All heavy atoms as atom14 arrays in JSON, in Angstrom:
{
  "sequence": "RVTLGRAALVGLWFGGFQGLMPLAGWFLGSRFAAYITAVDHW",
  "atom14_mask": [
    [1, 1, 1, 1, 1, 1, 1, 1, 1, 1, 1, 0, 0, 0],
    [1, 1, 1, 1, 1, 1, 1, 0, 0, 0, 0, 0, 0, 0],
    [1, 1, 1, 1, 1, 1, 1, 0, 0, 0, 0, 0, 0, 0],
    [1, 1, 1, 1, 1, 1, 1, 1, 0, 0, 0, 0, 0, 0],
    [1, 1, 1, 1, 0, 0, 0, 0, 0, 0, 0, 0, 0, 0],
    [1, 1, 1, 1, 1, 1, 1, 1, 1, 1, 1, 0, 0, 0],
    [1, 1, 1, 1, 1, 0, 0, 0, 0, 0, 0, 0, 0, 0],
    [1, 1, 1, 1, 1, 0, 0, 0, 0, 0, 0, 0, 0, 0],
    [1, 1, 1, 1, 1, 1, 1, 1, 0, 0, 0, 0, 0, 0],
    [1, 1, 1, 1, 1, 1, 1, 0, 0, 0, 0, 0, 0, 0],
    [1, 1, 1, 1, 0, 0, 0, 0, 0, 0, 0, 0, 0, 0],
    [1, 1, 1, 1, 1, 1, 1, 1, 0, 0, 0, 0, 0, 0],
    [1, 1, 1, 1, 1, 1, 1, 1, 1, 1, 1, 1, 1, 1],
    [1, 1, 1, 1, 1, 1, 1, 1, 1, 1, 1, 0, 0, 0],
    [1, 1, 1, 1, 0, 0, 0, 0, 0, 0, 0, 0, 0, 0],
    [1, 1, 1, 1, 0, 0, 0, 0, 0, 0, 0, 0, 0, 0],
    [1, 1, 1, 1, 1, 1, 1, 1, 1, 1, 1, 0, 0, 0],
    [1, 1, 1, 1, 1, 1, 1, 1, 1, 0, 0, 0, 0, 0],
    [1, 1, 1, 1, 0, 0, 0, 0, 0, 0, 0, 0, 0, 0],
    [1, 1, 1, 1, 1, 1, 1, 1, 0, 0, 0, 0, 0, 0],
    [1, 1, 1, 1, 1, 1, 1, 1, 0, 0, 0, 0, 0, 0],
    [1, 1, 1, 1, 1, 1, 1, 0, 0, 0, 0, 0, 0, 0],
    [1, 1, 1, 1, 1, 1, 1, 1, 0, 0, 0, 0, 0, 0],
    [1, 1, 1, 1, 1, 0, 0, 0, 0, 0, 0, 0, 0, 0],
    [1, 1, 1, 1, 0, 0, 0, 0, 0, 0, 0, 0, 0, 0],
    [1, 1, 1, 1, 1, 1, 1, 1, 1, 1, 1, 1, 1, 1],
    [1, 1, 1, 1, 1, 1, 1, 1, 1, 1, 1, 0, 0, 0],
    [1, 1, 1, 1, 1, 1, 1, 1, 0, 0, 0, 0, 0, 0],
    [1, 1, 1, 1, 0, 0, 0, 0, 0, 0, 0, 0, 0, 0],
    [1, 1, 1, 1, 1, 1, 0, 0, 0, 0, 0, 0, 0, 0],
    [1, 1, 1, 1, 1, 1, 1, 1, 1, 1, 1, 0, 0, 0],
    [1, 1, 1, 1, 1, 1, 1, 1, 1, 1, 1, 0, 0, 0],
    [1, 1, 1, 1, 1, 0, 0, 0, 0, 0, 0, 0, 0, 0],
    [1, 1, 1, 1, 1, 0, 0, 0, 0, 0, 0, 0, 0, 0],
    [1, 1, 1, 1, 1, 1, 1, 1, 1, 1, 1, 1, 0, 0],
    [1, 1, 1, 1, 1, 1, 1, 1, 0, 0, 0, 0, 0, 0],
    [1, 1, 1, 1, 1, 1, 1, 0, 0, 0, 0, 0, 0, 0],
    [1, 1, 1, 1, 1, 0, 0, 0, 0, 0, 0, 0, 0, 0],
    [1, 1, 1, 1, 1, 1, 1, 0, 0, 0, 0, 0, 0, 0],
    [1, 1, 1, 1, 1, 1, 1, 1, 0, 0, 0, 0, 0, 0],
    [1, 1, 1, 1, 1, 1, 1, 1, 1, 1, 0, 0, 0, 0],
    [1, 1, 1, 1, 1, 1, 1, 1, 1, 1, 1, 1, 1, 1]
  ],
  "atom14_positions": [
    [[116.45, 89.03, 81.5], [115.52, 88.26, 80.66], [114.14, 88.28, 81.33], [114.01, 87.88, 82.47], [116.01, 86.83, 80.5], [115.36, 86.09, 79.37], [115.96, 84.69, 79.19], [114.97, 83.72, 79.63], [115.09, 82.93, 80.68], [116.17, 82.95, 81.4], [114.14, 82.1, 81.01], [0.0, 0.0, 0.0], [0.0, 0.0, 0.0], [0.0, 0.0, 0.0]],
    [[113.13, 88.75, 80.63], [111.78, 88.78, 81.16], [111.04, 87.55, 80.67], [110.99, 87.28, 79.48], [111.04, 90.07, 80.72], [109.58, 90.01, 81.11], [111.7, 91.29, 81.32], [0.0, 0.0, 0.0], [0.0, 0.0, 0.0], [0.0, 0.0, 0.0], [0.0, 0.0, 0.0], [0.0, 0.0, 0.0], [0.0, 0.0, 0.0], [0.0, 0.0, 0.0]],
    [[110.48, 86.82, 81.62], [109.67, 85.65, 81.28], [108.25, 85.88, 81.79], [108.01, 86.76, 82.64], [110.23, 84.37, 81.94], [110.13, 84.5, 83.35], [111.68, 84.13, 81.52], [0.0, 0.0, 0.0], [0.0, 0.0, 0.0], [0.0, 0.0, 0.0], [0.0, 0.0, 0.0], [0.0, 0.0, 0.0], [0.0, 0.0, 0.0], [0.0, 0.0, 0.0]],
    [[107.33, 85.08, 81.31], [105.95, 85.16, 81.77], [105.88, 84.88, 83.27], [105.13, 85.55, 83.99], [105.07, 84.17, 80.99], [103.59, 84.17, 81.33], [102.98, 85.54, 81.05], [102.87, 83.1, 80.53], [0.0, 0.0, 0.0], [0.0, 0.0, 0.0], [0.0, 0.0, 0.0], [0.0, 0.0, 0.0], [0.0, 0.0, 0.0], [0.0, 0.0, 0.0]],
    [[106.66, 83.95, 83.75], [106.68, 83.61, 85.17], [107.15, 84.78, 86.03], [106.57, 85.05, 87.09], [0.0, 0.0, 0.0], [0.0, 0.0, 0.0], [0.0, 0.0, 0.0], [0.0, 0.0, 0.0], [0.0, 0.0, 0.0], [0.0, 0.0, 0.0], [0.0, 0.0, 0.0], [0.0, 0.0, 0.0], [0.0, 0.0, 0.0], [0.0, 0.0, 0.0]],
    [[108.2, 85.46, 85.6], [108.7, 86.62, 86.36], [107.69, 87.75, 86.36], [107.46, 88.39, 87.38], [110.02, 87.1, 85.78], [111.19, 86.22, 86.09], [112.43, 86.78, 85.44], [113.62, 86.07, 85.91], [114.83, 86.39, 85.56], [115.05, 87.4, 84.73], [115.87, 85.72, 86.02], [0.0, 0.0, 0.0], [0.0, 0.0, 0.0], [0.0, 0.0, 0.0]],
    [[107.1, 88.01, 85.22], [106.09, 89.06, 85.13], [104.88, 88.73, 86.0], [104.34, 89.59, 86.7], [105.66, 89.27, 83.68], [0.0, 0.0, 0.0], [0.0, 0.0, 0.0], [0.0, 0.0, 0.0], [0.0, 0.0, 0.0], [0.0, 0.0, 0.0], [0.0, 0.0, 0.0], [0.0, 0.0, 0.0], [0.0, 0.0, 0.0], [0.0, 0.0, 0.0]],
    [[104.47, 87.45, 85.99], [103.33, 87.03, 86.82], [103.66, 87.13, 88.31], [102.81, 87.51, 89.11], [102.93, 85.6, 86.46], [0.0, 0.0, 0.0], [0.0, 0.0, 0.0], [0.0, 0.0, 0.0], [0.0, 0.0, 0.0], [0.0, 0.0, 0.0], [0.0, 0.0, 0.0], [0.0, 0.0, 0.0], [0.0, 0.0, 0.0], [0.0, 0.0, 0.0]],
    [[104.89, 86.81, 88.68], [105.29, 86.9, 90.09], [105.23, 88.34, 90.58], [104.7, 88.62, 91.66], [106.7, 86.33, 90.28], [107.22, 86.31, 91.72], [106.32, 85.46, 92.61], [108.65, 85.79, 91.75], [0.0, 0.0, 0.0], [0.0, 0.0, 0.0], [0.0, 0.0, 0.0], [0.0, 0.0, 0.0], [0.0, 0.0, 0.0], [0.0, 0.0, 0.0]],
    [[105.74, 89.26, 89.79], [105.66, 90.68, 90.14], [104.19, 91.09, 90.24], [103.78, 91.77, 91.18], [106.42, 91.55, 89.11], [106.16, 93.03, 89.35], [107.92, 91.26, 89.17], [0.0, 0.0, 0.0], [0.0, 0.0, 0.0], [0.0, 0.0, 0.0], [0.0, 0.0, 0.0], [0.0, 0.0, 0.0], [0.0, 0.0, 0.0], [0.0, 0.0, 0.0]],
    [[103.38, 90.66, 89.28], [101.95, 90.97, 89.29], [101.25, 90.41, 90.52], [100.39, 91.07, 91.11], [0.0, 0.0, 0.0], [0.0, 0.0, 0.0], [0.0, 0.0, 0.0], [0.0, 0.0, 0.0], [0.0, 0.0, 0.0], [0.0, 0.0, 0.0], [0.0, 0.0, 0.0], [0.0, 0.0, 0.0], [0.0, 0.0, 0.0], [0.0, 0.0, 0.0]],
    [[101.62, 89.21, 90.93], [101.01, 88.6, 92.12], [101.36, 89.38, 93.39], [100.49, 89.61, 94.24], [101.45, 87.14, 92.27], [100.75, 86.16, 91.37], [101.4, 84.77, 91.47], [99.26, 86.07, 91.7], [0.0, 0.0, 0.0], [0.0, 0.0, 0.0], [0.0, 0.0, 0.0], [0.0, 0.0, 0.0], [0.0, 0.0, 0.0], [0.0, 0.0, 0.0]],
    [[102.61, 89.77, 93.53], [103.0, 90.56, 94.7], [102.21, 91.86, 94.77], [101.58, 92.19, 95.78], [104.5, 90.86, 94.67], [105.34, 89.8, 95.3], [106.09, 88.87, 94.64], [105.54, 89.56, 96.7], [106.74, 88.07, 95.55], [106.42, 88.48, 96.81], [105.06, 90.17, 97.86], [106.83, 87.97, 98.05], [105.46, 89.67, 99.08], [106.34, 88.59, 99.17]],
    [[102.28, 92.63, 93.68], [101.63, 93.94, 93.69], [100.11, 93.83, 93.69], [99.43, 94.55, 94.44], [102.12, 94.79, 92.52], [103.56, 95.2, 92.63], [104.37, 95.25, 91.51], [104.12, 95.53, 93.85], [105.7, 95.64, 91.61], [105.45, 95.91, 93.96], [106.24, 95.96, 92.83], [0.0, 0.0, 0.0], [0.0, 0.0, 0.0], [0.0, 0.0, 0.0]],
    [[99.55, 92.95, 92.89], [98.1, 92.77, 92.85], [97.55, 92.24, 94.16], [96.49, 92.68, 94.63], [0.0, 0.0, 0.0], [0.0, 0.0, 0.0], [0.0, 0.0, 0.0], [0.0, 0.0, 0.0], [0.0, 0.0, 0.0], [0.0, 0.0, 0.0], [0.0, 0.0, 0.0], [0.0, 0.0, 0.0], [0.0, 0.0, 0.0], [0.0, 0.0, 0.0]],
    [[98.28, 91.32, 94.77], [97.85, 90.77, 96.06], [97.76, 91.84, 97.13], [96.77, 91.95, 97.86], [0.0, 0.0, 0.0], [0.0, 0.0, 0.0], [0.0, 0.0, 0.0], [0.0, 0.0, 0.0], [0.0, 0.0, 0.0], [0.0, 0.0, 0.0], [0.0, 0.0, 0.0], [0.0, 0.0, 0.0], [0.0, 0.0, 0.0], [0.0, 0.0, 0.0]],
    [[98.8, 92.65, 97.23], [98.8, 93.69, 98.25], [97.81, 94.82, 97.92], [97.19, 95.37, 98.83], [100.21, 94.24, 98.49], [100.94, 93.44, 99.51], [101.59, 92.26, 99.17], [100.97, 93.84, 100.83], [102.24, 91.5, 100.12], [101.63, 93.09, 101.8], [102.27, 91.92, 101.44], [0.0, 0.0, 0.0], [0.0, 0.0, 0.0], [0.0, 0.0, 0.0]],
    [[97.65, 95.14, 96.64], [96.67, 96.17, 96.28], [95.25, 95.7, 96.57], [94.36, 96.51, 96.76], [96.77, 96.55, 94.8], [97.96, 97.39, 94.46], [97.86, 98.84, 94.91], [97.33, 99.15, 95.96], [98.4, 99.72, 94.1], [0.0, 0.0, 0.0], [0.0, 0.0, 0.0], [0.0, 0.0, 0.0], [0.0, 0.0, 0.0], [0.0, 0.0, 0.0]],
    [[95.03, 94.4, 96.61], [93.72, 93.87, 96.99], [93.55, 93.76, 98.49], [92.47, 94.04, 99.02], [0.0, 0.0, 0.0], [0.0, 0.0, 0.0], [0.0, 0.0, 0.0], [0.0, 0.0, 0.0], [0.0, 0.0, 0.0], [0.0, 0.0, 0.0], [0.0, 0.0, 0.0], [0.0, 0.0, 0.0], [0.0, 0.0, 0.0], [0.0, 0.0, 0.0]],
    [[94.61, 93.38, 99.2], [94.5, 93.21, 100.66], [94.46, 94.54, 101.41], [93.74, 94.66, 102.41], [95.68, 92.38, 101.17], [95.67, 90.9, 100.81], [96.96, 90.23, 101.26], [94.46, 90.21, 101.43], [0.0, 0.0, 0.0], [0.0, 0.0, 0.0], [0.0, 0.0, 0.0], [0.0, 0.0, 0.0], [0.0, 0.0, 0.0], [0.0, 0.0, 0.0]],
    [[95.2, 95.52, 100.97], [95.28, 96.78, 101.72], [93.94, 97.53, 101.78], [93.58, 98.02, 102.85], [96.38, 97.67, 101.16], [97.77, 97.12, 101.43], [98.14, 97.01, 103.17], [99.46, 98.18, 103.26], [0.0, 0.0, 0.0], [0.0, 0.0, 0.0], [0.0, 0.0, 0.0], [0.0, 0.0, 0.0], [0.0, 0.0, 0.0], [0.0, 0.0, 0.0]],
    [[93.17, 97.64, 100.69], [91.88, 98.31, 100.85], [90.92, 97.53, 101.75], [90.1, 98.12, 102.44], [91.33, 98.44, 99.44], [92.23, 97.73, 98.54], [93.45, 97.33, 99.3], [0.0, 0.0, 0.0], [0.0, 0.0, 0.0], [0.0, 0.0, 0.0], [0.0, 0.0, 0.0], [0.0, 0.0, 0.0], [0.0, 0.0, 0.0], [0.0, 0.0, 0.0]],
    [[91.06, 96.22, 101.76], [90.23, 95.41, 102.66], [90.58, 95.72, 104.11], [89.69, 95.93, 104.95], [90.41, 93.92, 102.36], [89.52, 92.96, 103.13], [88.05, 93.25, 102.85], [89.87, 91.52, 102.77], [0.0, 0.0, 0.0], [0.0, 0.0, 0.0], [0.0, 0.0, 0.0], [0.0, 0.0, 0.0], [0.0, 0.0, 0.0], [0.0, 0.0, 0.0]],
    [[91.86, 95.8, 104.4], [92.3, 96.17, 105.75], [91.83, 97.59, 106.1], [91.37, 97.84, 107.22], [93.82, 96.08, 105.86], [0.0, 0.0, 0.0], [0.0, 0.0, 0.0], [0.0, 0.0, 0.0], [0.0, 0.0, 0.0], [0.0, 0.0, 0.0], [0.0, 0.0, 0.0], [0.0, 0.0, 0.0], [0.0, 0.0, 0.0], [0.0, 0.0, 0.0]],
    [[91.93, 98.51, 105.16], [91.46, 99.88, 105.37], [89.96, 99.92, 105.62], [89.48, 100.68, 106.47], [0.0, 0.0, 0.0], [0.0, 0.0, 0.0], [0.0, 0.0, 0.0], [0.0, 0.0, 0.0], [0.0, 0.0, 0.0], [0.0, 0.0, 0.0], [0.0, 0.0, 0.0], [0.0, 0.0, 0.0], [0.0, 0.0, 0.0], [0.0, 0.0, 0.0]],
    [[89.21, 99.11, 104.88], [87.77, 99.04, 105.08], [87.43, 98.56, 106.49], [86.54, 99.11, 107.14], [87.13, 98.14, 104.03], [85.66, 97.97, 104.21], [84.68, 98.84, 103.83], [84.99, 96.88, 104.85], [83.46, 98.36, 104.18], [83.62, 97.15, 104.81], [85.44, 95.7, 105.44], [82.67, 96.28, 105.34], [84.5, 94.84, 105.98], [83.14, 95.13, 105.92]],
    [[88.14, 97.53, 106.95], [87.91, 97.04, 108.32], [88.18, 98.15, 109.33], [87.41, 98.35, 110.27], [88.79, 95.82, 108.63], [88.23, 94.54, 108.12], [88.96, 93.77, 107.22], [86.99, 94.07, 108.52], [88.46, 92.58, 106.73], [86.47, 92.89, 108.04], [87.21, 92.13, 107.14], [0.0, 0.0, 0.0], [0.0, 0.0, 0.0], [0.0, 0.0, 0.0]],
    [[89.27, 98.89, 109.16], [89.58, 100.0, 110.06], [88.52, 101.09, 109.99], [88.03, 101.57, 111.02], [90.94, 100.61, 109.72], [92.17, 99.81, 110.09], [93.41, 100.47, 109.49], [92.31, 99.72, 111.6], [0.0, 0.0, 0.0], [0.0, 0.0, 0.0], [0.0, 0.0, 0.0], [0.0, 0.0, 0.0], [0.0, 0.0, 0.0], [0.0, 0.0, 0.0]],
    [[88.18, 101.49, 108.77], [87.2, 102.56, 108.59], [85.82, 102.21, 109.09], [85.12, 103.05, 109.66], [0.0, 0.0, 0.0], [0.0, 0.0, 0.0], [0.0, 0.0, 0.0], [0.0, 0.0, 0.0], [0.0, 0.0, 0.0], [0.0, 0.0, 0.0], [0.0, 0.0, 0.0], [0.0, 0.0, 0.0], [0.0, 0.0, 0.0], [0.0, 0.0, 0.0]],
    [[85.41, 100.95, 108.93], [84.07, 100.55, 109.35], [83.95, 100.57, 110.88], [82.85, 100.74, 111.4], [83.71, 99.18, 108.79], [84.59, 98.19, 109.27], [0.0, 0.0, 0.0], [0.0, 0.0, 0.0], [0.0, 0.0, 0.0], [0.0, 0.0, 0.0], [0.0, 0.0, 0.0], [0.0, 0.0, 0.0], [0.0, 0.0, 0.0], [0.0, 0.0, 0.0]],
    [[85.04, 100.44, 111.58], [85.02, 100.53, 113.05], [84.66, 101.93, 113.52], [84.08, 102.1, 114.58], [86.38, 100.15, 113.64], [86.78, 98.74, 113.4], [86.19, 97.88, 114.48], [86.73, 96.55, 114.4], [85.96, 95.47, 114.37], [84.66, 95.59, 114.44], [86.5, 94.29, 114.3], [0.0, 0.0, 0.0], [0.0, 0.0, 0.0], [0.0, 0.0, 0.0]],
    [[85.04, 102.94, 112.72], [84.83, 104.32, 113.13], [83.76, 105.04, 112.31], [83.49, 106.21, 112.56], [86.16, 105.1, 113.02], [87.26, 104.48, 113.83], [88.28, 103.77, 113.21], [87.27, 104.59, 115.2], [89.29, 103.18, 113.95], [88.27, 104.01, 115.96], [89.29, 103.31, 115.32], [0.0, 0.0, 0.0], [0.0, 0.0, 0.0], [0.0, 0.0, 0.0]],
    [[83.15, 104.35, 111.36], [82.2, 105.0, 110.45], [81.04, 105.65, 111.19], [80.62, 106.76, 110.83], [81.68, 103.98, 109.43], [0.0, 0.0, 0.0], [0.0, 0.0, 0.0], [0.0, 0.0, 0.0], [0.0, 0.0, 0.0], [0.0, 0.0, 0.0], [0.0, 0.0, 0.0], [0.0, 0.0, 0.0], [0.0, 0.0, 0.0], [0.0, 0.0, 0.0]],
    [[80.52, 105.02, 112.21], [79.37, 105.57, 112.93], [79.69, 106.9, 113.6], [78.82, 107.74, 113.76], [78.89, 104.56, 113.97], [0.0, 0.0, 0.0], [0.0, 0.0, 0.0], [0.0, 0.0, 0.0], [0.0, 0.0, 0.0], [0.0, 0.0, 0.0], [0.0, 0.0, 0.0], [0.0, 0.0, 0.0], [0.0, 0.0, 0.0], [0.0, 0.0, 0.0]],
    [[80.95, 107.09, 113.95], [81.35, 108.31, 114.67], [81.6, 109.5, 113.75], [81.57, 110.63, 114.21], [82.61, 108.05, 115.5], [82.43, 106.92, 116.49], [83.08, 105.71, 116.3], [81.61, 107.07, 117.59], [82.91, 104.67, 117.19], [81.43, 106.03, 118.49], [82.09, 104.82, 118.29], [81.92, 103.8, 119.17], [0.0, 0.0, 0.0], [0.0, 0.0, 0.0]],
    [[81.86, 109.22, 112.49], [82.25, 110.32, 111.6], [81.41, 110.4, 110.33], [81.82, 110.98, 109.34], [83.75, 110.22, 111.24], [84.11, 108.84, 110.72], [84.62, 110.59, 112.4], [85.55, 108.7, 110.32], [0.0, 0.0, 0.0], [0.0, 0.0, 0.0], [0.0, 0.0, 0.0], [0.0, 0.0, 0.0], [0.0, 0.0, 0.0], [0.0, 0.0, 0.0]],
    [[80.2, 109.88, 110.38], [79.33, 109.88, 109.22], [79.07, 111.28, 108.69], [78.96, 111.48, 107.48], [77.99, 109.19, 109.55], [78.27, 107.87, 110.0], [77.07, 109.13, 108.35], [0.0, 0.0, 0.0], [0.0, 0.0, 0.0], [0.0, 0.0, 0.0], [0.0, 0.0, 0.0], [0.0, 0.0, 0.0], [0.0, 0.0, 0.0], [0.0, 0.0, 0.0]],
    [[78.98, 112.27, 109.57], [78.68, 113.63, 109.14], [79.78, 114.23, 108.27], [79.51, 115.14, 107.48], [78.44, 114.52, 110.35], [0.0, 0.0, 0.0], [0.0, 0.0, 0.0], [0.0, 0.0, 0.0], [0.0, 0.0, 0.0], [0.0, 0.0, 0.0], [0.0, 0.0, 0.0], [0.0, 0.0, 0.0], [0.0, 0.0, 0.0], [0.0, 0.0, 0.0]],
    [[81.0, 113.75, 108.4], [82.12, 114.32, 107.64], [82.81, 113.3, 106.74], [83.89, 113.57, 106.22], [83.16, 114.97, 108.58], [82.58, 116.18, 109.28], [83.71, 113.96, 109.57], [0.0, 0.0, 0.0], [0.0, 0.0, 0.0], [0.0, 0.0, 0.0], [0.0, 0.0, 0.0], [0.0, 0.0, 0.0], [0.0, 0.0, 0.0], [0.0, 0.0, 0.0]],
    [[82.17, 112.14, 106.54], [82.81, 111.08, 105.77], [83.18, 111.49, 104.36], [84.22, 111.12, 103.85], [81.96, 109.81, 105.76], [80.59, 110.02, 105.15], [80.25, 111.16, 104.74], [79.84, 109.02, 105.08], [0.0, 0.0, 0.0], [0.0, 0.0, 0.0], [0.0, 0.0, 0.0], [0.0, 0.0, 0.0], [0.0, 0.0, 0.0], [0.0, 0.0, 0.0]],
    [[82.34, 112.3, 103.71], [82.62, 112.74, 102.34], [83.86, 113.63, 102.31], [84.64, 113.58, 101.37], [81.41, 113.47, 101.76], [80.93, 114.6, 102.61], [80.22, 114.38, 103.77], [81.09, 115.93, 102.49], [79.94, 115.55, 104.33], [80.46, 116.5, 103.57], [0.0, 0.0, 0.0], [0.0, 0.0, 0.0], [0.0, 0.0, 0.0], [0.0, 0.0, 0.0]],
    [[84.06, 114.44, 103.35], [85.25, 115.28, 103.42], [86.5, 114.42, 103.64], [87.56, 114.72, 103.1], [85.12, 116.32, 104.54], [84.15, 117.4, 104.21], [82.88, 117.54, 104.71], [84.33, 118.47, 103.29], [82.28, 118.64, 104.15], [83.14, 119.22, 103.28], [85.39, 118.85, 102.47], [82.99, 120.34, 102.48], [85.22, 119.98, 101.68], [84.04, 120.71, 101.69]]
  ]
}
């Protein structure tokens, strides 16, 4: 049985992590951005 609550819970799990992971990646990438600016597009 699919309810709005179950669908929202699945959405919160996946949406939450899809929002947090690029933020974590940005923090990692910004630490090294100065060293690899010449090839960042690649």
